[in-house]
Amino acid sequence: FGTQAEVMQIATQGMNVSAAEGQQIMLDLASTARSLGMDINELGSEFVAAKDFIVGFGADGAEVFEDMAIQAKALGMEIGTLVKVVGKFETFDSAGKAVGRLNSILGGPFLNSIDMMNAAFEDPIEGIKMLKEGFDDAGVAVEDLSRPELLAFADALGLSAEETANLLGKSNEELEIQRIKQEELAEQARQTQTITDQLSAAFNGLYLQLGPVIDEKVVPFIGMLGNMLQLFSGIIQSKAGMIGFFTAVGAIMGA
């Protein structure tokens, strides 16, 4: 409940959406979590942790975050780590430094700092794709990198060697296939949630309609049955009652 309250606060105050839209954001987060095999509260906590990144996209912030979550899952990375990569290109100075270092190691102008900075503010997933395309254009494959080369790229990106290997390990084509699959699963989860809500409303309506019958017929019957069982229990717990009960049962079986 605490996480939900924080998500709603970020949505309504930081992203300037309505309460109904904020509720839809929570529903979408739940659907995305199910499709990714993540705990719903874990994904919600990641959303809260990335609030400074998310609110920069306004009403589209939740959708950007969900895309980042899917991409991070496909890459085997934490969402916060992927957000940190995008953050390297959010200002002209930091984008210029990072791209300059990467191009120097790659051996050519394979990345453009302005394009990377624009992507960081408009379409972070496209920025990740451009980064990977730069490595592909340079003919750099992560499995062929020596440890010093991998560490150099990691330092330029502000990542660990393992995180860098994960980031560069899959092609954009593989990631696109993974993204489509995850979006299909998320949509199925959303539809399932909608059906669940409809069933819940239907059962609530049925319960209200059956209320008088339950109160007038079922509840008295259960009470009467309980009294009978209590009386029967009292009879068989006494010595005379036990003798009488088993005598009657024996007579019935004999007959």
C-alpha atoms as a PDB file:
ATOM      1  CA  PHE A   1       0.000   0.000   0.000  1.00  0.00           C
ATOM      2  CA  GLY A   2       2.895   2.336   0.712  1.00  0.00           C
ATOM      3  CA  THR A   3       4.361   1.717  -2.736  1.00  0.00           C
ATOM      4  CA  GLN A   4       0.964   2.244  -4.375  1.00  0.00           C
ATOM      5  CA  ALA A   5       0.575   5.561  -2.575  1.00  0.00           C
ATOM      6  CA  GLU A   6       4.009   6.699  -3.784  1.00  0.00           C
ATOM      7  CA  VAL A   7       3.261   5.628  -7.370  1.00  0.00           C
ATOM      8  CA  MET A   8      -0.025   7.556  -7.275  1.00  0.00           C
ATOM      9  CA  GLN A   9       1.731  10.614  -5.867  1.00  0.00           C
ATOM     10  CA  ILE A  10       4.374  10.524  -8.616  1.00  0.00           C
ATOM     11  CA  ALA A  11       1.683  10.050 -11.265  1.00  0.00           C
ATOM     12  CA  THR A  12      -0.692  12.772 -10.110  1.00  0.00           C
ATOM     13  CA  GLN A  13       1.833  15.349  -8.890  1.00  0.00           C
ATOM     14  CA  GLY A  14       4.991  14.665 -10.909  1.00  0.00           C
ATOM     15  CA  MET A  15       3.447  13.479 -14.186  1.00  0.00           C
ATOM     16  CA  ASN A  16       0.314  15.658 -13.868  1.00  0.00           C
ATOM     17  CA  VAL A  17      -2.202  12.913 -14.692  1.00  0.00           C
ATOM     18  CA  SER A  18      -5.665  12.403 -13.198  1.00  0.00           C
ATOM     19  CA  ALA A  19      -6.418   9.975 -10.366  1.00  0.00           C
ATOM     20  CA  ALA A  20      -8.104   7.611 -12.848  1.00  0.00           C
ATOM     21  CA  GLU A  21      -5.033   7.719 -15.103  1.00  0.00           C
ATOM     22  CA  GLY A  22      -2.857   7.078 -12.054  1.00  0.00           C
ATOM     23  CA  GLN A  23      -4.890   3.965 -11.264  1.00  0.00           C
ATOM     24  CA  GLN A  24      -4.449   2.811 -14.863  1.00  0.00           C
ATOM     25  CA  ILE A  25      -0.686   3.286 -14.483  1.00  0.00           C
ATOM     26  CA  MET A  26      -0.727   0.977 -11.452  1.00  0.00           C
ATOM     27  CA  LEU A  27      -2.755  -1.588 -13.414  1.00  0.00           C
ATOM     28  CA  ASP A  28      -0.259  -1.391 -16.292  1.00  0.00           C
ATOM     29  CA  LEU A  29       2.650  -1.810 -13.873  1.00  0.00           C
ATOM     30  CA  ALA A  30       0.985  -4.897 -12.414  1.00  0.00           C
ATOM     31  CA  SER A  31       0.485  -6.337 -15.917  1.00  0.00           C
ATOM     32  CA  THR A  32       4.105  -5.619 -16.860  1.00  0.00           C
ATOM     33  CA  ALA A  33       5.347  -7.211 -13.629  1.00  0.00           C
ATOM     34  CA  ARG A  34       3.353 -10.384 -14.310  1.00  0.00           C
ATOM     35  CA  SER A  35       4.632 -10.611 -17.890  1.00  0.00           C
ATOM     36  CA  LEU A  36       8.236 -10.201 -16.676  1.00  0.00           C
ATOM     37  CA  GLY A  37       7.839 -12.682 -13.821  1.00  0.00           C
ATOM     38  CA  MET A  38       8.597  -9.942 -11.290  1.00  0.00           C
ATOM     39  CA  ASP A  39       7.040  -9.221  -7.919  1.00  0.00           C
ATOM     40  CA  ILE A  40       4.573  -6.364  -8.366  1.00  0.00           C
ATOM     41  CA  ASN A  41       5.882  -4.471  -5.352  1.00  0.00           C
ATOM     42  CA  GLU A  42       9.463  -4.844  -6.650  1.00  0.00           C
ATOM     43  CA  LEU A  43       8.566  -3.218  -9.973  1.00  0.00           C
ATOM     44  CA  GLY A  44       6.591  -0.523  -8.164  1.00  0.00           C
ATOM     45  CA  SER A  45       9.611   0.197  -5.976  1.00  0.00           C
ATOM     46  CA  GLU A  46      11.787   0.475  -9.104  1.00  0.00           C
ATOM     47  CA  PHE A  47       9.258   2.969 -10.472  1.00  0.00           C
ATOM     48  CA  VAL A  48       9.513   5.052  -7.316  1.00  0.00           C
ATOM     49  CA  ALA A  49      13.329   4.877  -7.362  1.00  0.00           C
ATOM     50  CA  ALA A  50      13.384   6.136 -10.968  1.00  0.00           C
ATOM     51  CA  LYS A  51      10.899   8.966 -10.367  1.00  0.00           C
ATOM     52  CA  ASP A  52      13.350  11.747 -11.326  1.00  0.00           C
ATOM     53  CA  PHE A  53      13.890  10.007 -14.673  1.00  0.00           C
ATOM     54  CA  ILE A  54      10.186   9.223 -15.204  1.00  0.00           C
ATOM     55  CA  VAL A  55       8.671  12.649 -14.514  1.00  0.00           C
ATOM     56  CA  GLY A  56      10.876  14.170 -17.221  1.00  0.00           C
ATOM     57  CA  PHE A  57       8.657  12.449 -19.803  1.00  0.00           C
ATOM     58  CA  GLY A  58       5.418  13.846 -18.383  1.00  0.00           C
ATOM     59  CA  ALA A  59       2.316  11.754 -19.040  1.00  0.00           C
ATOM     60  CA  ASP A  60       4.408   9.339 -21.140  1.00  0.00           C
ATOM     61  CA  GLY A  61       6.713   8.559 -18.214  1.00  0.00           C
ATOM     62  CA  ALA A  62       4.981   5.317 -17.216  1.00  0.00           C
ATOM     63  CA  GLU A  63       5.110   3.950 -20.758  1.00  0.00           C
ATOM     64  CA  VAL A  64       8.807   4.839 -21.040  1.00  0.00           C
ATOM     65  CA  PHE A  65       9.474   3.098 -17.720  1.00  0.00           C
ATOM     66  CA  GLU A  66       7.611  -0.051 -18.812  1.00  0.00           C
ATOM     67  CA  ASP A  67       9.636  -0.148 -22.045  1.00  0.00           C
ATOM     68  CA  MET A  68      12.818   0.229 -20.006  1.00  0.00           C
ATOM     69  CA  ALA A  69      11.711  -2.602 -17.704  1.00  0.00           C
ATOM     70  CA  ILE A  70      11.133  -4.901 -20.686  1.00  0.00           C
ATOM     71  CA  GLN A  71      14.493  -3.928 -22.206  1.00  0.00           C
ATOM     72  CA  ALA A  72      16.311  -4.451 -18.897  1.00  0.00           C
ATOM     73  CA  LYS A  73      14.750  -7.907 -18.535  1.00  0.00           C
ATOM     74  CA  ALA A  74      15.830  -8.858 -22.064  1.00  0.00           C
ATOM     75  CA  LEU A  75      19.381  -7.668 -21.363  1.00  0.00           C
ATOM     76  CA  GLY A  76      19.598  -9.334 -17.957  1.00  0.00           C
ATOM     77  CA  MET A  77      20.159  -5.954 -16.280  1.00  0.00           C
ATOM     78  CA  GLU A  78      18.584  -3.970 -13.460  1.00  0.00           C
ATOM     79  CA  ILE A  79      16.193  -1.210 -14.532  1.00  0.00           C
ATOM     80  CA  GLY A  80      18.173   1.296 -12.478  1.00  0.00           C
ATOM     81  CA  THR A  81      21.361   0.332 -14.317  1.00  0.00           C
ATOM     82  CA  LEU A  82      19.735   0.940 -17.694  1.00  0.00           C
ATOM     83  CA  VAL A  83      18.434   4.287 -16.459  1.00  0.00           C
ATOM     84  CA  LYS A  84      21.993   5.142 -15.406  1.00  0.00           C
ATOM     85  CA  VAL A  85      23.256   4.396 -18.941  1.00  0.00           C
ATOM     86  CA  VAL A  86      20.669   6.739 -20.455  1.00  0.00           C
ATOM     87  CA  GLY A  87      21.588   9.350 -17.845  1.00  0.00           C
ATOM     88  CA  LYS A  88      25.136   9.489 -19.254  1.00  0.00           C
ATOM     89  CA  PHE A  89      23.712  11.272 -22.316  1.00  0.00           C
ATOM     90  CA  GLU A  90      21.236  13.699 -20.735  1.00  0.00           C
ATOM     91  CA  THR A  91      23.457  16.789 -20.902  1.00  0.00           C
ATOM     92  CA  PHE A  92      25.581  18.118 -23.730  1.00  0.00           C
ATOM     93  CA  ASP A  93      28.795  17.895 -21.707  1.00  0.00           C
ATOM     94  CA  SER A  94      28.303  14.380 -20.368  1.00  0.00           C
ATOM     95  CA  ALA A  95      27.035  13.105 -23.744  1.00  0.00           C
ATOM     96  CA  GLY A  96      30.036  14.660 -25.502  1.00  0.00           C
ATOM     97  CA  LYS A  97      32.503  13.116 -23.060  1.00  0.00           C
ATOM     98  CA  ALA A  98      30.928   9.651 -23.144  1.00  0.00           C
ATOM     99  CA  VAL A  99      30.564   9.571 -26.934  1.00  0.00           C
ATOM    100  CA  GLY A 100      34.074  10.958 -27.404  1.00  0.00           C
ATOM    101  CA  ARG A 101      35.597   8.223 -25.253  1.00  0.00           C
ATOM    102  CA  LEU A 102      33.524   5.485 -26.901  1.00  0.00           C
ATOM    103  CA  ASN A 103      34.364   6.651 -30.431  1.00  0.00           C
ATOM    104  CA  SER A 104      38.038   6.816 -29.474  1.00  0.00           C
ATOM    105  CA  ILE A 105      37.979   3.191 -28.317  1.00  0.00           C
ATOM    106  CA  LEU A 106      35.852   2.075 -31.288  1.00  0.00           C
ATOM    107  CA  GLY A 107      38.246   3.748 -33.696  1.00  0.00           C
ATOM    108  CA  GLY A 108      35.864   6.047 -35.567  1.00  0.00           C
ATOM    109  CA  PRO A 109      32.837   8.393 -35.436  1.00  0.00           C
ATOM    110  CA  PHE A 110      30.293   5.638 -34.902  1.00  0.00           C
ATOM    111  CA  LEU A 111      28.212   7.527 -32.316  1.00  0.00           C
ATOM    112  CA  ASN A 112      26.807  11.070 -32.380  1.00  0.00           C
ATOM    113  CA  SER A 113      26.537  12.967 -29.102  1.00  0.00           C
ATOM    114  CA  ILE A 114      23.598  15.162 -30.224  1.00  0.00           C
ATOM    115  CA  ASP A 115      21.591  12.146 -31.397  1.00  0.00           C
ATOM    116  CA  MET A 116      22.305  10.313 -28.151  1.00  0.00           C
ATOM    117  CA  MET A 117      21.297  13.339 -26.058  1.00  0.00           C
ATOM    118  CA  ASN A 118      18.037  13.795 -27.996  1.00  0.00           C
ATOM    119  CA  ALA A 119      17.240  10.101 -27.590  1.00  0.00           C
ATOM    120  CA  ALA A 120      17.821  10.332 -23.835  1.00  0.00           C
ATOM    121  CA  PHE A 121      14.990  12.892 -23.621  1.00  0.00           C
ATOM    122  CA  GLU A 122      12.658  11.580 -26.326  1.00  0.00           C
ATOM    123  CA  ASP A 123      13.117   7.819 -26.693  1.00  0.00           C
ATOM    124  CA  PRO A 124      15.621   6.160 -24.329  1.00  0.00           C
ATOM    125  CA  ILE A 125      15.136   2.729 -25.921  1.00  0.00           C
ATOM    126  CA  GLU A 126      16.128   4.196 -29.279  1.00  0.00           C
ATOM    127  CA  GLY A 127      19.232   5.603 -27.600  1.00  0.00           C
ATOM    128  CA  ILE A 128      20.166   2.120 -26.363  1.00  0.00           C
ATOM    129  CA  LYS A 129      19.645   0.806 -29.897  1.00  0.00           C
ATOM    130  CA  MET A 130      21.861   3.540 -31.373  1.00  0.00           C
ATOM    131  CA  LEU A 131      24.545   2.696 -28.834  1.00  0.00           C
ATOM    132  CA  LYS A 132      24.465  -0.960 -29.830  1.00  0.00           C
ATOM    133  CA  GLU A 133      24.362  -0.065 -33.536  1.00  0.00           C
ATOM    134  CA  GLY A 134      27.533   1.973 -33.070  1.00  0.00           C
ATOM    135  CA  PHE A 135      29.316  -1.101 -31.745  1.00  0.00           C
ATOM    136  CA  ASP A 136      27.892  -3.211 -34.593  1.00  0.00           C
ATOM    137  CA  ASP A 137      29.043  -0.657 -37.206  1.00  0.00           C
ATOM    138  CA  ALA A 138      32.517  -0.738 -35.676  1.00  0.00           C
ATOM    139  CA  GLY A 139      32.517  -4.534 -35.913  1.00  0.00           C
ATOM    140  CA  VAL A 140      32.914  -4.899 -32.149  1.00  0.00           C
ATOM    141  CA  ALA A 141      31.424  -8.066 -30.636  1.00  0.00           C
ATOM    142  CA  VAL A 142      31.463  -8.417 -26.871  1.00  0.00           C
ATOM    143  CA  GLU A 143      32.536 -12.073 -27.028  1.00  0.00           C
ATOM    144  CA  ASP A 144      35.683 -11.038 -28.915  1.00  0.00           C
ATOM    145  CA  LEU A 145      36.743  -8.268 -26.521  1.00  0.00           C
ATOM    146  CA  SER A 146      39.785  -8.709 -24.360  1.00  0.00           C
ATOM    147  CA  ARG A 147      39.440  -7.891 -20.689  1.00  0.00           C
ATOM    148  CA  PRO A 148      41.260  -4.517 -21.009  1.00  0.00           C
ATOM    149  CA  GLU A 149      38.966  -3.554 -23.917  1.00  0.00           C
ATOM    150  CA  LEU A 150      35.849  -4.566 -22.009  1.00  0.00           C
ATOM    151  CA  LEU A 151      36.981  -2.597 -18.954  1.00  0.00           C
ATOM    152  CA  ALA A 152      37.648   0.453 -21.138  1.00  0.00           C
ATOM    153  CA  PHE A 153      34.125   0.378 -22.551  1.00  0.00           C
ATOM    154  CA  ALA A 154      32.724  -0.240 -19.066  1.00  0.00           C
ATOM    155  CA  ASP A 155      34.538   2.795 -17.685  1.00  0.00           C
ATOM    156  CA  ALA A 156      33.259   4.992 -20.527  1.00  0.00           C
ATOM    157  CA  LEU A 157      29.674   3.867 -19.857  1.00  0.00           C
ATOM    158  CA  GLY A 158      29.982   4.014 -16.070  1.00  0.00           C
ATOM    159  CA  LEU A 159      29.133   0.309 -15.755  1.00  0.00           C
ATOM    160  CA  SER A 160      30.776  -2.818 -14.433  1.00  0.00           C
ATOM    161  CA  ALA A 161      32.361  -5.289 -16.844  1.00  0.00           C
ATOM    162  CA  GLU A 162      29.437  -7.695 -16.339  1.00  0.00           C
ATOM    163  CA  GLU A 163      26.836  -4.989 -16.962  1.00  0.00           C
ATOM    164  CA  THR A 164      28.662  -3.889 -20.100  1.00  0.00           C
ATOM    165  CA  ALA A 165      28.795  -7.466 -21.388  1.00  0.00           C
ATOM    166  CA  ASN A 166      25.050  -7.816 -20.767  1.00  0.00           C
ATOM    167  CA  LEU A 167      24.316  -4.505 -22.499  1.00  0.00           C
ATOM    168  CA  LEU A 168      26.270  -5.439 -25.618  1.00  0.00           C
ATOM    169  CA  GLY A 169      25.566  -9.174 -25.584  1.00  0.00           C
ATOM    170  CA  LYS A 170      22.354  -9.267 -27.645  1.00  0.00           C
ATOM    171  CA  SER A 171      21.612  -7.805 -31.052  1.00  0.00           C
ATOM    172  CA  ASN A 172      18.872  -5.229 -31.586  1.00  0.00           C
ATOM    173  CA  GLU A 173      16.941  -7.842 -33.575  1.00  0.00           C
ATOM    174  CA  GLU A 174      16.966 -10.253 -30.628  1.00  0.00           C
ATOM    175  CA  LEU A 175      15.886  -7.488 -28.283  1.00  0.00           C
ATOM    176  CA  GLU A 176      13.035  -6.463 -30.596  1.00  0.00           C
ATOM    177  CA  ILE A 177      11.717 -10.036 -30.652  1.00  0.00           C
ATOM    178  CA  GLN A 178      11.948 -10.154 -26.857  1.00  0.00           C
ATOM    179  CA  ARG A 179      10.178  -6.789 -26.570  1.00  0.00           C
ATOM    180  CA  ILE A 180       7.279  -7.935 -28.763  1.00  0.00           C
ATOM    181  CA  LYS A 181       6.871 -11.132 -26.730  1.00  0.00           C
ATOM    182  CA  GLN A 182       6.875  -9.226 -23.435  1.00  0.00           C
ATOM    183  CA  GLU A 183       4.344  -6.681 -24.723  1.00  0.00           C
ATOM    184  CA  GLU A 184       2.060  -9.520 -25.814  1.00  0.00           C
ATOM    185  CA  LEU A 185       2.354 -11.103 -22.357  1.00  0.00           C
ATOM    186  CA  ALA A 186       1.688  -7.754 -20.692  1.00  0.00           C
ATOM    187  CA  GLU A 187      -1.430  -7.254 -22.825  1.00  0.00           C
ATOM    188  CA  GLN A 188      -2.651 -10.728 -21.885  1.00  0.00           C
ATOM    189  CA  ALA A 189      -2.111  -9.844 -18.227  1.00  0.00           C
ATOM    190  CA  ARG A 190      -4.103  -6.624 -18.682  1.00  0.00           C
ATOM    191  CA  GLN A 191      -6.967  -8.535 -20.323  1.00  0.00           C
ATOM    192  CA  THR A 192      -6.883 -11.111 -17.531  1.00  0.00           C
ATOM    193  CA  GLN A 193      -7.096  -8.336 -14.950  1.00  0.00           C
ATOM    194  CA  THR A 194     -10.067  -6.834 -16.792  1.00  0.00           C
ATOM    195  CA  ILE A 195     -11.845 -10.206 -16.822  1.00  0.00           C
ATOM    196  CA  THR A 196     -11.077 -10.657 -13.123  1.00  0.00           C
ATOM    197  CA  ASP A 197     -12.580  -7.261 -12.332  1.00  0.00           C
ATOM    198  CA  GLN A 198     -15.691  -8.100 -14.358  1.00  0.00           C
ATOM    199  CA  LEU A 199     -16.122 -11.457 -12.603  1.00  0.00           C
ATOM    200  CA  SER A 200     -15.623  -9.837  -9.219  1.00  0.00           C
ATOM    201  CA  ALA A 201     -18.315  -7.247  -9.990  1.00  0.00           C
ATOM    202  CA  ALA A 202     -20.670  -9.974 -11.256  1.00  0.00           C
ATOM    203  CA  PHE A 203     -20.217 -12.083  -8.120  1.00  0.00           C
ATOM    204  CA  ASN A 204     -20.705  -9.022  -5.927  1.00  0.00           C
ATOM    205  CA  GLY A 205     -23.973  -8.321  -7.752  1.00  0.00           C
ATOM    206  CA  LEU A 206     -25.070 -11.934  -7.386  1.00  0.00           C
ATOM    207  CA  TYR A 207     -24.291 -11.850  -3.673  1.00  0.00           C
ATOM    208  CA  LEU A 208     -26.416  -8.720  -3.229  1.00  0.00           C
ATOM    209  CA  GLN A 209     -29.320 -10.337  -5.079  1.00  0.00           C
ATOM    210  CA  LEU A 210     -29.056 -13.507  -2.983  1.00  0.00           C
ATOM    211  CA  GLY A 211     -28.737 -11.569   0.271  1.00  0.00           C
ATOM    212  CA  PRO A 212     -32.436 -11.868   1.310  1.00  0.00           C
ATOM    213  CA  VAL A 213     -32.494 -15.598   0.491  1.00  0.00           C
ATOM    214  CA  ILE A 214     -29.319 -16.182   2.486  1.00  0.00           C
ATOM    215  CA  ASP A 215     -30.586 -14.167   5.456  1.00  0.00           C
ATOM    216  CA  GLU A 216     -34.085 -15.646   5.503  1.00  0.00           C
ATOM    217  CA  LYS A 217     -33.441 -19.277   4.500  1.00  0.00           C
ATOM    218  CA  VAL A 218     -29.815 -20.356   4.530  1.00  0.00           C
ATOM    219  CA  VAL A 219     -28.689 -18.747   7.802  1.00  0.00           C
ATOM    220  CA  PRO A 220     -31.664 -20.128   9.855  1.00  0.00           C
ATOM    221  CA  PHE A 221     -31.164 -23.584   8.311  1.00  0.00           C
ATOM    222  CA  ILE A 222     -27.458 -23.601   9.226  1.00  0.00           C
ATOM    223  CA  GLY A 223     -28.366 -22.477  12.745  1.00  0.00           C
ATOM    224  CA  MET A 224     -30.938 -25.268  13.087  1.00  0.00           C
ATOM    225  CA  LEU A 225     -28.451 -27.814  11.758  1.00  0.00           C
ATOM    226  CA  GLY A 226     -25.890 -26.609  14.292  1.00  0.00           C
ATOM    227  CA  ASN A 227     -28.393 -27.007  17.131  1.00  0.00           C
ATOM    228  CA  MET A 228     -29.220 -30.547  15.992  1.00  0.00           C
ATOM    229  CA  LEU A 229     -25.553 -31.481  15.851  1.00  0.00           C
ATOM    230  CA  GLN A 230     -25.001 -30.014  19.294  1.00  0.00           C
ATOM    231  CA  LEU A 231     -27.952 -32.003  20.688  1.00  0.00           C
ATOM    232  CA  PHE A 232     -26.715 -35.187  19.033  1.00  0.00           C
ATOM    233  CA  SER A 233     -23.216 -34.598  20.404  1.00  0.00           C
ATOM    234  CA  GLY A 234     -24.645 -34.262  23.925  1.00  0.00           C
ATOM    235  CA  ILE A 235     -26.559 -37.515  23.597  1.00  0.00           C
ATOM    236  CA  ILE A 236     -23.675 -39.708  22.433  1.00  0.00           C
ATOM    237  CA  GLN A 237     -21.259 -38.227  24.988  1.00  0.00           C
ATOM    238  CA  SER A 238     -23.326 -39.745  27.871  1.00  0.00           C
ATOM    239  CA  LYS A 239     -23.114 -43.475  28.765  1.00  0.00           C
ATOM    240  CA  ALA A 240     -26.831 -44.052  28.399  1.00  0.00           C
ATOM    241  CA  GLY A 241     -26.897 -42.119  25.170  1.00  0.00           C
ATOM    242  CA  MET A 242     -24.024 -44.172  23.709  1.00  0.00           C
ATOM    243  CA  ILE A 243     -25.757 -47.462  24.681  1.00  0.00           C
ATOM    244  CA  GLY A 244     -29.034 -46.298  23.173  1.00  0.00           C
ATOM    245  CA  PHE A 245     -27.363 -45.030  19.982  1.00  0.00           C
ATOM    246  CA  PHE A 246     -25.359 -48.184  19.237  1.00  0.00           C
ATOM    247  CA  THR A 247     -28.343 -50.392  20.230  1.00  0.00           C
ATOM    248  CA  ALA A 248     -30.441 -48.581  17.646  1.00  0.00           C
ATOM    249  CA  VAL A 249     -27.692 -48.817  15.005  1.00  0.00           C
ATOM    250  CA  GLY A 250     -27.261 -52.545  15.733  1.00  0.00           C
ATOM    251  CA  ALA A 251     -31.011 -53.157  15.458  1.00  0.00           C
ATOM    252  CA  ILE A 252     -31.132 -51.331  12.109  1.00  0.00           C
ATOM    253  CA  MET A 253     -28.178 -53.311  10.735  1.00  0.00           C
ATOM    254  CA  GLY A 254     -29.684 -56.574  12.048  1.00  0.00           C
ATOM    255  CA  ALA A 255     -32.981 -55.804  10.348  1.00  0.00           C
END
